[in-house]
Amino acid sequence: MTRASISITPPNDAWIKSQIESEGFSSRSDVVNDLIRKARNEQDEILAIRAALIKGEESGTSRRTPDEIMQAVIERKRKNGTL
């Protein structure tokens, strides 16, 4: 594992200490790595949403009604087990 030295402001240091005490983290490294992991996941979700929006814009205007679109989504979710 790579080691890094970082400077942390007093309020952030107090928050990290509180996370270790209340959330069951064993070290400052665990808290920082958890924050980075969450930020990476959030970034991945944003990129997926952005890609879906671009795909939707490129597909043009739908001729389906809102009810038809909702039914298609429901059917797709039932088929893939997410509903």
PDB file of N, CA and C in Angstrom:
ATOM      1  N   MET A   1       0.836  -1.167   0.000  1.00  0.00           N
ATOM      2  CA  MET A   1       0.000   0.000   0.000  1.00  0.00           C
ATOM      3  C   MET A   1       0.888   1.241   0.000  1.00  0.00           C
ATOM      4  N   THR A   2       0.474   2.262  -0.727  1.00  0.00           N
ATOM      5  CA  THR A   2       1.231   3.502  -0.790  1.00  0.00           C
ATOM      6  C   THR A   2       0.959   4.344   0.449  1.00  0.00           C
ATOM      7  N   ARG A   3       2.007   4.929   0.975  1.00  0.00           N
ATOM      8  CA  ARG A   3       1.857   5.823   2.120  1.00  0.00           C
ATOM      9  C   ARG A   3       1.904   7.251   1.613  1.00  0.00           C
ATOM     10  N   ALA A   4       1.106   8.134   2.236  1.00  0.00           N
ATOM     11  CA  ALA A   4       1.087   9.539   1.853  1.00  0.00           C
ATOM     12  C   ALA A   4       0.974  10.385   3.107  1.00  0.00           C
ATOM     13  N   SER A   5       1.602  11.510   3.069  1.00  0.00           N
ATOM     14  CA  SER A   5       1.518  12.442   4.188  1.00  0.00           C
ATOM     15  C   SER A   5       0.647  13.609   3.746  1.00  0.00           C
ATOM     16  N   ILE A   6      -0.405  13.892   4.513  1.00  0.00           N
ATOM     17  CA  ILE A   6      -1.297  14.996   4.156  1.00  0.00           C
ATOM     18  C   ILE A   6      -1.495  15.893   5.372  1.00  0.00           C
ATOM     19  N   SER A   7      -1.815  17.145   5.110  1.00  0.00           N
ATOM     20  CA  SER A   7      -2.142  18.085   6.179  1.00  0.00           C
ATOM     21  C   SER A   7      -3.654  18.188   6.272  1.00  0.00           C
ATOM     22  N   ILE A   8      -4.154  18.184   7.496  1.00  0.00           N
ATOM     23  CA  ILE A   8      -5.596  18.219   7.728  1.00  0.00           C
ATOM     24  C   ILE A   8      -5.911  19.384   8.656  1.00  0.00           C
ATOM     25  N   THR A   9      -6.923  20.150   8.314  1.00  0.00           N
ATOM     26  CA  THR A   9      -7.310  21.280   9.163  1.00  0.00           C
ATOM     27  C   THR A   9      -7.860  20.767  10.493  1.00  0.00           C
ATOM     28  N   PRO A  10      -7.774  21.583  11.534  1.00  0.00           N
ATOM     29  CA  PRO A  10      -8.288  21.142  12.841  1.00  0.00           C
ATOM     30  C   PRO A  10      -9.747  20.672  12.825  1.00  0.00           C
ATOM     31  N   PRO A  11     -10.671  21.371  12.138  1.00  0.00           N
ATOM     32  CA  PRO A  11     -12.053  20.860  12.117  1.00  0.00           C
ATOM     33  C   PRO A  11     -12.165  19.500  11.434  1.00  0.00           C
ATOM     34  N   ASN A  12     -11.418  19.304  10.356  1.00  0.00           N
ATOM     35  CA  ASN A  12     -11.450  18.015   9.663  1.00  0.00           C
ATOM     36  C   ASN A  12     -10.807  16.920  10.513  1.00  0.00           C
ATOM     37  N   ASP A  13      -9.757  17.277  11.237  1.00  0.00           N
ATOM     38  CA  ASP A  13      -9.120  16.307  12.121  1.00  0.00           C
ATOM     39  C   ASP A  13     -10.090  15.880  13.228  1.00  0.00           C
ATOM     40  N   ALA A  14     -10.826  16.833  13.780  1.00  0.00           N
ATOM     41  CA  ALA A  14     -11.815  16.500  14.816  1.00  0.00           C
ATOM     42  C   ALA A  14     -12.904  15.603  14.245  1.00  0.00           C
ATOM     43  N   TRP A  15     -13.321  15.879  13.011  1.00  0.00           N
ATOM     44  CA  TRP A  15     -14.353  15.059  12.380  1.00  0.00           C
ATOM     45  C   TRP A  15     -13.843  13.636  12.160  1.00  0.00           C
ATOM     46  N   ILE A  16     -12.611  13.520  11.684  1.00  0.00           N
ATOM     47  CA  ILE A  16     -12.033  12.187  11.467  1.00  0.00           C
ATOM     48  C   ILE A  16     -11.980  11.422  12.782  1.00  0.00           C
ATOM     49  N   LYS A  17     -11.537  12.078  13.838  1.00  0.00           N
ATOM     50  CA  LYS A  17     -11.484  11.424  15.151  1.00  0.00           C
ATOM     51  C   LYS A  17     -12.869  10.967  15.588  1.00  0.00           C
ATOM     52  N   SER A  18     -13.886  11.796  15.337  1.00  0.00           N
ATOM     53  CA  SER A  18     -15.252  11.410  15.720  1.00  0.00           C
ATOM     54  C   SER A  18     -15.733  10.218  14.900  1.00  0.00           C
ATOM     55  N   GLN A  19     -15.307  10.139  13.642  1.00  0.00           N
ATOM     56  CA  GLN A  19     -15.685   8.996  12.804  1.00  0.00           C
ATOM     57  C   GLN A  19     -15.044   7.714  13.314  1.00  0.00           C
ATOM     58  N   ILE A  20     -13.812   7.826  13.743  1.00  0.00           N
ATOM     59  CA  ILE A  20     -13.126   6.646  14.282  1.00  0.00           C
ATOM     60  C   ILE A  20     -13.849   6.165  15.531  1.00  0.00           C
ATOM     61  N   GLU A  21     -14.244   7.100  16.387  1.00  0.00           N
ATOM     62  CA  GLU A  21     -14.913   6.734  17.638  1.00  0.00           C
ATOM     63  C   GLU A  21     -16.330   6.223  17.413  1.00  0.00           C
ATOM     64  N   SER A  22     -17.078   6.876  16.551  1.00  0.00           N
ATOM     65  CA  SER A  22     -18.504   6.548  16.435  1.00  0.00           C
ATOM     66  C   SER A  22     -18.836   5.569  15.317  1.00  0.00           C
ATOM     67  N   GLU A  23     -18.039   5.495  14.296  1.00  0.00           N
ATOM     68  CA  GLU A  23     -18.368   4.658  13.136  1.00  0.00           C
ATOM     69  C   GLU A  23     -17.575   3.365  13.094  1.00  0.00           C
ATOM     70  N   GLY A  24     -16.697   3.175  14.036  1.00  0.00           N
ATOM     71  CA  GLY A  24     -15.972   1.916  14.090  1.00  0.00           C
ATOM     72  C   GLY A  24     -14.784   1.799  13.158  1.00  0.00           C
ATOM     73  N   PHE A  25     -14.310   2.907  12.626  1.00  0.00           N
ATOM     74  CA  PHE A  25     -13.084   2.859  11.826  1.00  0.00           C
ATOM     75  C   PHE A  25     -11.919   2.602  12.766  1.00  0.00           C
ATOM     76  N   SER A  26     -10.913   1.915  12.277  1.00  0.00           N
ATOM     77  CA  SER A  26      -9.781   1.594  13.144  1.00  0.00           C
ATOM     78  C   SER A  26      -8.648   2.613  13.041  1.00  0.00           C
ATOM     79  N   SER A  27      -8.679   3.462  12.008  1.00  0.00           N
ATOM     80  CA  SER A  27      -7.589   4.416  11.834  1.00  0.00           C
ATOM     81  C   SER A  27      -8.022   5.578  10.950  1.00  0.00           C
ATOM     82  N   ARG A  28      -7.175   6.592  10.942  1.00  0.00           N
ATOM     83  CA  ARG A  28      -7.403   7.731  10.041  1.00  0.00           C
ATOM     84  C   ARG A  28      -7.367   7.270   8.584  1.00  0.00           C
ATOM     85  N   SER A  29      -6.468   6.349   8.295  1.00  0.00           N
ATOM     86  CA  SER A  29      -6.359   5.828   6.926  1.00  0.00           C
ATOM     87  C   SER A  29      -7.671   5.192   6.480  1.00  0.00           C
ATOM     88  N   ASP A  30      -8.312   4.448   7.375  1.00  0.00           N
ATOM     89  CA  ASP A  30      -9.590   3.823   7.026  1.00  0.00           C
ATOM     90  C   ASP A  30     -10.642   4.872   6.689  1.00  0.00           C
ATOM     91  N   VAL A  31     -10.677   5.955   7.461  1.00  0.00           N
ATOM     92  CA  VAL A  31     -11.654   7.026   7.214  1.00  0.00           C
ATOM     93  C   VAL A  31     -11.375   7.678   5.866  1.00  0.00           C
ATOM     94  N   VAL A  32     -10.120   8.027   5.621  1.00  0.00           N
ATOM     95  CA  VAL A  32      -9.761   8.698   4.365  1.00  0.00           C
ATOM     96  C   VAL A  32     -10.019   7.776   3.177  1.00  0.00           C
ATOM     97  N   ASN A  33      -9.644   6.511   3.282  1.00  0.00           N
ATOM     98  CA  ASN A  33      -9.889   5.570   2.181  1.00  0.00           C
ATOM     99  C   ASN A  33     -11.384   5.385   1.928  1.00  0.00           C
ATOM    100  N   ASP A  34     -12.197   5.378   2.993  1.00  0.00           N
ATOM    101  CA  ASP A  34     -13.643   5.272   2.826  1.00  0.00           C
ATOM    102  C   ASP A  34     -14.192   6.490   2.092  1.00  0.00           C
ATOM    103  N   LEU A  35     -13.707   7.680   2.451  1.00  0.00           N
ATOM    104  CA  LEU A  35     -14.144   8.899   1.760  1.00  0.00           C
ATOM    105  C   LEU A  35     -13.764   8.857   0.280  1.00  0.00           C
ATOM    106  N   ILE A  36     -12.559   8.417  -0.013  1.00  0.00           N
ATOM    107  CA  ILE A  36     -12.112   8.333  -1.410  1.00  0.00           C
ATOM    108  C   ILE A  36     -12.942   7.312  -2.168  1.00  0.00           C
ATOM    109  N   ARG A  37     -13.210   6.160  -1.555  1.00  0.00           N
ATOM    110  CA  ARG A  37     -14.020   5.118  -2.193  1.00  0.00           C
ATOM    111  C   ARG A  37     -15.420   5.654  -2.515  1.00  0.00           C
ATOM    112  N   LYS A  38     -16.022   6.379  -1.558  1.00  0.00           N
ATOM    113  CA  LYS A  38     -17.351   6.953  -1.790  1.00  0.00           C
ATOM    114  C   LYS A  38     -17.311   7.999  -2.901  1.00  0.00           C
ATOM    115  N   ALA A  39     -16.276   8.817  -2.925  1.00  0.00           N
ATOM    116  CA  ALA A  39     -16.154   9.838  -3.972  1.00  0.00           C
ATOM    117  C   ALA A  39     -15.987   9.187  -5.344  1.00  0.00           C
ATOM    118  N   ARG A  40     -15.211   8.112  -5.410  1.00  0.00           N
ATOM    119  CA  ARG A  40     -15.033   7.409  -6.681  1.00  0.00           C
ATOM    120  C   ARG A  40     -16.340   6.789  -7.152  1.00  0.00           C
ATOM    121  N   ASN A  41     -17.092   6.180  -6.235  1.00  0.00           N
ATOM    122  CA  ASN A  41     -18.391   5.598  -6.593  1.00  0.00           C
ATOM    123  C   ASN A  41     -19.351   6.670  -7.092  1.00  0.00           C
ATOM    124  N   GLU A  42     -19.345   7.809  -6.399  1.00  0.00           N
ATOM    125  CA  GLU A  42     -20.214   8.917  -6.822  1.00  0.00           C
ATOM    126  C   GLU A  42     -19.827   9.402  -8.210  1.00  0.00           C
ATOM    127  N   GLN A  43     -18.535   9.506  -8.455  1.00  0.00           N
ATOM    128  CA  GLN A  43     -18.061   9.931  -9.771  1.00  0.00           C
ATOM    129  C   GLN A  43     -18.483   8.930 -10.853  1.00  0.00           C
ATOM    130  N   ASP A  44     -18.376   7.633 -10.554  1.00  0.00           N
ATOM    131  CA  ASP A  44     -18.804   6.612 -11.508  1.00  0.00           C
ATOM    132  C   ASP A  44     -20.299   6.735 -11.811  1.00  0.00           C
ATOM    133  N   GLU A  45     -21.109   6.998 -10.767  1.00  0.00           N
ATOM    134  CA  GLU A  45     -22.550   7.161 -10.964  1.00  0.00           C
ATOM    135  C   GLU A  45     -22.843   8.382 -11.824  1.00  0.00           C
ATOM    136  N   ILE A  46     -22.136   9.472 -11.574  1.00  0.00           N
ATOM    137  CA  ILE A  46     -22.333  10.692 -12.372  1.00  0.00           C
ATOM    138  C   ILE A  46     -21.974  10.440 -13.828  1.00  0.00           C
ATOM    139  N   LEU A  47     -20.862   9.728 -14.053  1.00  0.00           N
ATOM    140  CA  LEU A  47     -20.470   9.420 -15.438  1.00  0.00           C
ATOM    141  C   LEU A  47     -21.504   8.533 -16.124  1.00  0.00           C
ATOM    142  N   ALA A  48     -22.076   7.574 -15.391  1.00  0.00           N
ATOM    143  CA  ALA A  48     -23.103   6.699 -15.972  1.00  0.00           C
ATOM    144  C   ALA A  48     -24.364   7.496 -16.309  1.00  0.00           C
ATOM    145  N   ILE A  49     -24.759   8.384 -15.427  1.00  0.00           N
ATOM    146  CA  ILE A  49     -25.938   9.227 -15.680  1.00  0.00           C
ATOM    147  C   ILE A  49     -25.679  10.131 -16.883  1.00  0.00           C
ATOM    148  N   ARG A  50     -24.493  10.723 -16.925  1.00  0.00           N
ATOM    149  CA  ARG A  50     -24.148  11.605 -18.049  1.00  0.00           C
ATOM    150  C   ARG A  50     -24.195  10.831 -19.369  1.00  0.00           C
ATOM    151  N   ALA A  51     -23.657   9.615 -19.372  1.00  0.00           N
ATOM    152  CA  ALA A  51     -23.671   8.793 -20.588  1.00  0.00           C
ATOM    153  C   ALA A  51     -25.102   8.452 -20.998  1.00  0.00           C
ATOM    154  N   ALA A  52     -25.951   8.145 -20.016  1.00  0.00           N
ATOM    155  CA  ALA A  52     -27.354   7.831 -20.322  1.00  0.00           C
ATOM    156  C   ALA A  52     -28.076   9.047 -20.877  1.00  0.00           C
ATOM    157  N   LEU A  53     -27.786  10.219 -20.324  1.00  0.00           N
ATOM    158  CA  LEU A  53     -28.412  11.445 -20.835  1.00  0.00           C
ATOM    159  C   LEU A  53     -27.978  11.733 -22.271  1.00  0.00           C
ATOM    160  N   ILE A  54     -26.705  11.562 -22.541  1.00  0.00           N
ATOM    161  CA  ILE A  54     -26.206  11.787 -23.906  1.00  0.00           C
ATOM    162  C   ILE A  54     -26.853  10.795 -24.864  1.00  0.00           C
ATOM    163  N   LYS A  55     -26.917   9.530 -24.451  1.00  0.00           N
ATOM    164  CA  LYS A  55     -27.554   8.505 -25.294  1.00  0.00           C
ATOM    165  C   LYS A  55     -29.013   8.879 -25.560  1.00  0.00           C
ATOM    166  N   GLY A  56     -29.699   9.341 -24.527  1.00  0.00           N
ATOM    167  CA  GLY A  56     -31.097   9.741 -24.687  1.00  0.00           C
ATOM    168  C   GLY A  56     -31.254  10.923 -25.636  1.00  0.00           C
ATOM    169  N   GLU A  57     -30.378  11.910 -25.492  1.00  0.00           N
ATOM    170  CA  GLU A  57     -30.446  13.074 -26.381  1.00  0.00           C
ATOM    171  C   GLU A  57     -30.168  12.682 -27.828  1.00  0.00           C
ATOM    172  N   GLU A  58     -29.220  11.773 -28.006  1.00  0.00           N
ATOM    173  CA  GLU A  58     -28.859  11.361 -29.365  1.00  0.00           C
ATOM    174  C   GLU A  58     -29.932  10.483 -30.003  1.00  0.00           C
ATOM    175  N   SER A  59     -30.773   9.844 -29.189  1.00  0.00           N
ATOM    176  CA  SER A  59     -31.792   8.952 -29.747  1.00  0.00           C
ATOM    177  C   SER A  59     -32.976   9.713 -30.331  1.00  0.00           C
ATOM    178  N   GLY A  60     -33.066  10.987 -30.028  1.00  0.00           N
ATOM    179  CA  GLY A  60     -34.153  11.791 -30.587  1.00  0.00           C
ATOM    180  C   GLY A  60     -35.393  11.755 -29.725  1.00  0.00           C
ATOM    181  N   THR A  61     -36.459  12.359 -30.247  1.00  0.00           N
ATOM    182  CA  THR A  61     -37.718  12.456 -29.533  1.00  0.00           C
ATOM    183  C   THR A  61     -38.516  11.173 -29.682  1.00  0.00           C
ATOM    184  N   SER A  62     -39.045  10.703 -28.570  1.00  0.00           N
ATOM    185  CA  SER A  62     -39.833   9.476 -28.590  1.00  0.00           C
ATOM    186  C   SER A  62     -41.239   9.751 -29.111  1.00  0.00           C
ATOM    187  N   ARG A  63     -41.800   8.764 -29.783  1.00  0.00           N
ATOM    188  CA  ARG A  63     -43.181   8.864 -30.234  1.00  0.00           C
ATOM    189  C   ARG A  63     -44.124   8.186 -29.238  1.00  0.00           C
ATOM    190  N   ARG A  64     -43.535   7.565 -28.190  1.00  0.00           N
ATOM    191  CA  ARG A  64     -44.352   6.883 -27.190  1.00  0.00           C
ATOM    192  C   ARG A  64     -44.936   7.884 -26.196  1.00  0.00           C
ATOM    193  N   THR A  65     -46.071   7.490 -25.632  1.00  0.00           N
ATOM    194  CA  THR A  65     -46.691   8.314 -24.594  1.00  0.00           C
ATOM    195  C   THR A  65     -45.946   8.089 -23.280  1.00  0.00           C
ATOM    196  N   PRO A  66     -46.101   8.996 -22.309  1.00  0.00           N
ATOM    197  CA  PRO A  66     -45.486   8.772 -21.000  1.00  0.00           C
ATOM    198  C   PRO A  66     -45.905   7.438 -20.376  1.00  0.00           C
ATOM    199  N   ASP A  67     -47.179   7.055 -20.533  1.00  0.00           N
ATOM    200  CA  ASP A  67     -47.638   5.769 -19.995  1.00  0.00           C
ATOM    201  C   ASP A  67     -46.935   4.598 -20.670  1.00  0.00           C
ATOM    202  N   GLU A  68     -46.740   4.674 -21.972  1.00  0.00           N
ATOM    203  CA  GLU A  68     -46.033   3.602 -22.681  1.00  0.00           C
ATOM    204  C   GLU A  68     -44.581   3.503 -22.218  1.00  0.00           C
ATOM    205  N   ILE A  69     -43.972   4.633 -21.993  1.00  0.00           N
ATOM    206  CA  ILE A  69     -42.586   4.637 -21.512  1.00  0.00           C
ATOM    207  C   ILE A  69     -42.509   4.021 -20.122  1.00  0.00           C
ATOM    208  N   MET A  70     -43.429   4.395 -19.241  1.00  0.00           N
ATOM    209  CA  MET A  70     -43.435   3.844 -17.887  1.00  0.00           C
ATOM    210  C   MET A  70     -43.658   2.337 -17.907  1.00  0.00           C
ATOM    211  N   GLN A  71     -44.559   1.870 -18.754  1.00  0.00           N
ATOM    212  CA  GLN A  71     -44.815   0.434 -18.847  1.00  0.00           C
ATOM    213  C   GLN A  71     -43.581  -0.312 -19.359  1.00  0.00           C
ATOM    214  N   ALA A  72     -42.887   0.286 -20.311  1.00  0.00           N
ATOM    215  CA  ALA A  72     -41.673  -0.341 -20.844  1.00  0.00           C
ATOM    216  C   ALA A  72     -40.604  -0.440 -19.757  1.00  0.00           C
ATOM    217  N   VAL A  73     -40.487   0.589 -18.948  1.00  0.00           N
ATOM    218  CA  VAL A  73     -39.509   0.571 -17.853  1.00  0.00           C
ATOM    219  C   VAL A  73     -39.884  -0.499 -16.840  1.00  0.00           C
ATOM    220  N   ILE A  74     -41.153  -0.577 -16.485  1.00  0.00           N
ATOM    221  CA  ILE A  74     -41.624  -1.579 -15.527  1.00  0.00           C
ATOM    222  C   ILE A  74     -41.349  -2.993 -16.059  1.00  0.00           C
ATOM    223  N   GLU A  75     -41.658  -3.228 -17.322  1.00  0.00           N
ATOM    224  CA  GLU A  75     -41.410  -4.546 -17.920  1.00  0.00           C
ATOM    225  C   GLU A  75     -39.926  -4.887 -17.911  1.00  0.00           C
ATOM    226  N   ARG A  76     -39.092  -3.921 -18.268  1.00  0.00           N
ATOM    227  CA  ARG A  76     -37.648  -4.151 -18.294  1.00  0.00           C
ATOM    228  C   ARG A  76     -37.138  -4.483 -16.889  1.00  0.00           C
ATOM    229  N   LYS A  77     -37.623  -3.756 -15.882  1.00  0.00           N
ATOM    230  CA  LYS A  77     -37.201  -4.007 -14.507  1.00  0.00           C
ATOM    231  C   LYS A  77     -37.679  -5.364 -14.004  1.00  0.00           C
ATOM    232  N   ARG A  78     -38.867  -5.761 -14.407  1.00  0.00           N
ATOM    233  CA  ARG A  78     -39.370  -7.102 -14.014  1.00  0.00           C
ATOM    234  C   ARG A  78     -38.501  -8.188 -14.646  1.00  0.00           C
ATOM    235  N   LYS A  79     -38.134  -8.000 -15.899  1.00  0.00           N
ATOM    236  CA  LYS A  79     -37.338  -9.001 -16.606  1.00  0.00           C
ATOM    237  C   LYS A  79     -35.939  -9.144 -16.015  1.00  0.00           C
ATOM    238  N   ASN A  80     -35.355  -8.004 -15.604  1.00  0.00           N
ATOM    239  CA  ASN A  80     -33.985  -8.105 -15.069  1.00  0.00           C
ATOM    240  C   ASN A  80     -33.946  -8.244 -13.558  1.00  0.00           C
ATOM    241  N   GLY A  81     -35.138  -8.375 -12.924  1.00  0.00           N
ATOM    242  CA  GLY A  81     -35.189  -8.665 -11.490  1.00  0.00           C
ATOM    243  C   GLY A  81     -34.983  -7.498 -10.570  1.00  0.00           C
ATOM    244  N   THR A  82     -35.087  -6.269 -11.079  1.00  0.00           N
ATOM    245  CA  THR A  82     -34.895  -5.119 -10.213  1.00  0.00           C
ATOM    246  C   THR A  82     -36.198  -4.508  -9.724  1.00  0.00           C
ATOM    247  N   LEU A  83     -37.315  -5.159 -10.052  1.00  0.00           N
ATOM    248  CA  LEU A  83     -38.612  -4.666  -9.580  1.00  0.00           C
ATOM    249  C   LEU A  83     -39.320  -5.768  -8.823  1.00  0.00           C
TER     250      LEU A  83
END
